[in-house]
Amino acid sequence: MEKLFCLGVALGMVGGALLVANSYKARSLVKKSQAEIIDKMDEMMDERLKAMSEGEEKKTAKKKEQK
């Protein structure tokens, strides 16, 4: 059962790759989607880095107040 599932997944991936490789519209859609995902990931990482740096600034400010 698991072998058939893995075979189906592999065949589906190959079929999808062939479809994208032979279709300009599909290829451009994939590239556009990849660019959007990369942009969103960059925004999320920037927000997390900003939050982490703000958290560190608060910690250092508290330490200075305690001294």
C-alpha atoms as a PDB file:
ATOM      1  CA  MET A   1       0.000   0.000   0.000  1.00  0.00           C
ATOM      2  CA  GLU A   2       2.778   2.436   0.955  1.00  0.00           C
ATOM      3  CA  LYS A   3       4.775   1.488  -2.139  1.00  0.00           C
ATOM      4  CA  LEU A   4       1.809   2.297  -4.374  1.00  0.00           C
ATOM      5  CA  PHE A   5       1.322   5.632  -2.627  1.00  0.00           C
ATOM      6  CA  CYS A   6       4.992   6.539  -3.064  1.00  0.00           C
ATOM      7  CA  LEU A   7       4.839   5.470  -6.698  1.00  0.00           C
ATOM      8  CA  GLY A   8       1.756   7.635  -7.240  1.00  0.00           C
ATOM      9  CA  VAL A   9       3.433  10.629  -5.613  1.00  0.00           C
ATOM     10  CA  ALA A  10       6.543  10.161  -7.741  1.00  0.00           C
ATOM     11  CA  LEU A  11       4.515   9.833 -10.953  1.00  0.00           C
ATOM     12  CA  GLY A  12       2.495  12.903 -10.012  1.00  0.00           C
ATOM     13  CA  MET A  13       5.657  14.915  -9.459  1.00  0.00           C
ATOM     14  CA  VAL A  14       7.082  13.807 -12.803  1.00  0.00           C
ATOM     15  CA  GLY A  15       3.812  14.605 -14.558  1.00  0.00           C
ATOM     16  CA  GLY A  16       3.652  18.028 -12.943  1.00  0.00           C
ATOM     17  CA  ALA A  17       7.249  18.757 -13.884  1.00  0.00           C
ATOM     18  CA  LEU A  18       6.561  17.776 -17.496  1.00  0.00           C
ATOM     19  CA  LEU A  19       3.449  19.946 -17.578  1.00  0.00           C
ATOM     20  CA  VAL A  20       5.323  22.961 -16.234  1.00  0.00           C
ATOM     21  CA  ALA A  21       8.304  22.377 -18.518  1.00  0.00           C
ATOM     22  CA  ASN A  22       6.112  22.280 -21.628  1.00  0.00           C
ATOM     23  CA  SER A  23       3.674  25.077 -20.792  1.00  0.00           C
ATOM     24  CA  TYR A  24       4.738  28.729 -20.816  1.00  0.00           C
ATOM     25  CA  LYS A  25       1.716  29.832 -18.774  1.00  0.00           C
ATOM     26  CA  ALA A  26       2.316  27.212 -16.106  1.00  0.00           C
ATOM     27  CA  ARG A  27       6.041  28.025 -15.981  1.00  0.00           C
ATOM     28  CA  SER A  28       5.375  31.737 -15.571  1.00  0.00           C
ATOM     29  CA  LEU A  29       2.771  31.016 -12.888  1.00  0.00           C
ATOM     30  CA  VAL A  30       5.282  28.892 -10.953  1.00  0.00           C
ATOM     31  CA  LYS A  31       7.964  31.586 -11.210  1.00  0.00           C
ATOM     32  CA  LYS A  32       5.512  34.264 -10.073  1.00  0.00           C
ATOM     33  CA  SER A  33       4.384  32.154  -7.126  1.00  0.00           C
ATOM     34  CA  GLN A  34       7.976  31.443  -6.117  1.00  0.00           C
ATOM     35  CA  ALA A  35       8.787  35.160  -6.195  1.00  0.00           C
ATOM     36  CA  GLU A  36       5.745  35.957  -4.037  1.00  0.00           C
ATOM     37  CA  ILE A  37       6.665  33.283  -1.502  1.00  0.00           C
ATOM     38  CA  ILE A  38      10.260  34.516  -1.324  1.00  0.00           C
ATOM     39  CA  ASP A  39       9.066  38.098  -0.782  1.00  0.00           C
ATOM     40  CA  LYS A  40       6.709  37.018   2.005  1.00  0.00           C
ATOM     41  CA  MET A  41       9.427  34.966   3.668  1.00  0.00           C
ATOM     42  CA  ASP A  42      11.810  37.938   3.518  1.00  0.00           C
ATOM     43  CA  GLU A  43       9.173  40.155   5.161  1.00  0.00           C
ATOM     44  CA  MET A  44       8.535  37.581   7.882  1.00  0.00           C
ATOM     45  CA  MET A  45      12.238  37.183   8.593  1.00  0.00           C
ATOM     46  CA  ASP A  46      12.708  40.953   8.754  1.00  0.00           C
ATOM     47  CA  GLU A  47       9.836  41.216  11.251  1.00  0.00           C
ATOM     48  CA  ARG A  48      11.273  38.425  13.390  1.00  0.00           C
ATOM     49  CA  LEU A  49      14.747  39.918  13.361  1.00  0.00           C
ATOM     50  CA  LYS A  50      13.318  43.306  14.300  1.00  0.00           C
ATOM     51  CA  ALA A  51      11.315  41.761  17.149  1.00  0.00           C
ATOM     52  CA  MET A  52      14.370  39.887  18.383  1.00  0.00           C
ATOM     53  CA  SER A  53      16.523  43.013  18.331  1.00  0.00           C
ATOM     54  CA  GLU A  54      13.815  44.989  20.147  1.00  0.00           C
ATOM     55  CA  GLY A  55      13.595  42.237  22.755  1.00  0.00           C
ATOM     56  CA  GLU A  56      17.340  42.360  23.287  1.00  0.00           C
ATOM     57  CA  GLU A  57      17.230  46.155  23.615  1.00  0.00           C
ATOM     58  CA  LYS A  58      14.548  45.850  26.299  1.00  0.00           C
ATOM     59  CA  LYS A  59      16.640  43.302  28.196  1.00  0.00           C
ATOM     60  CA  THR A  60      19.707  45.535  28.138  1.00  0.00           C
ATOM     61  CA  ALA A  61      17.602  48.532  29.211  1.00  0.00           C
ATOM     62  CA  LYS A  62      16.253  46.564  32.192  1.00  0.00           C
ATOM     63  CA  LYS A  63      19.760  45.530  33.169  1.00  0.00           C
ATOM     64  CA  LYS A  64      20.926  49.135  33.059  1.00  0.00           C
ATOM     65  CA  GLU A  65      17.970  50.213  35.233  1.00  0.00           C
ATOM     66  CA  GLN A  66      18.763  47.555  37.796  1.00  0.00           C
ATOM     67  CA  LYS A  67      22.355  48.786  38.168  1.00  0.00           C
END
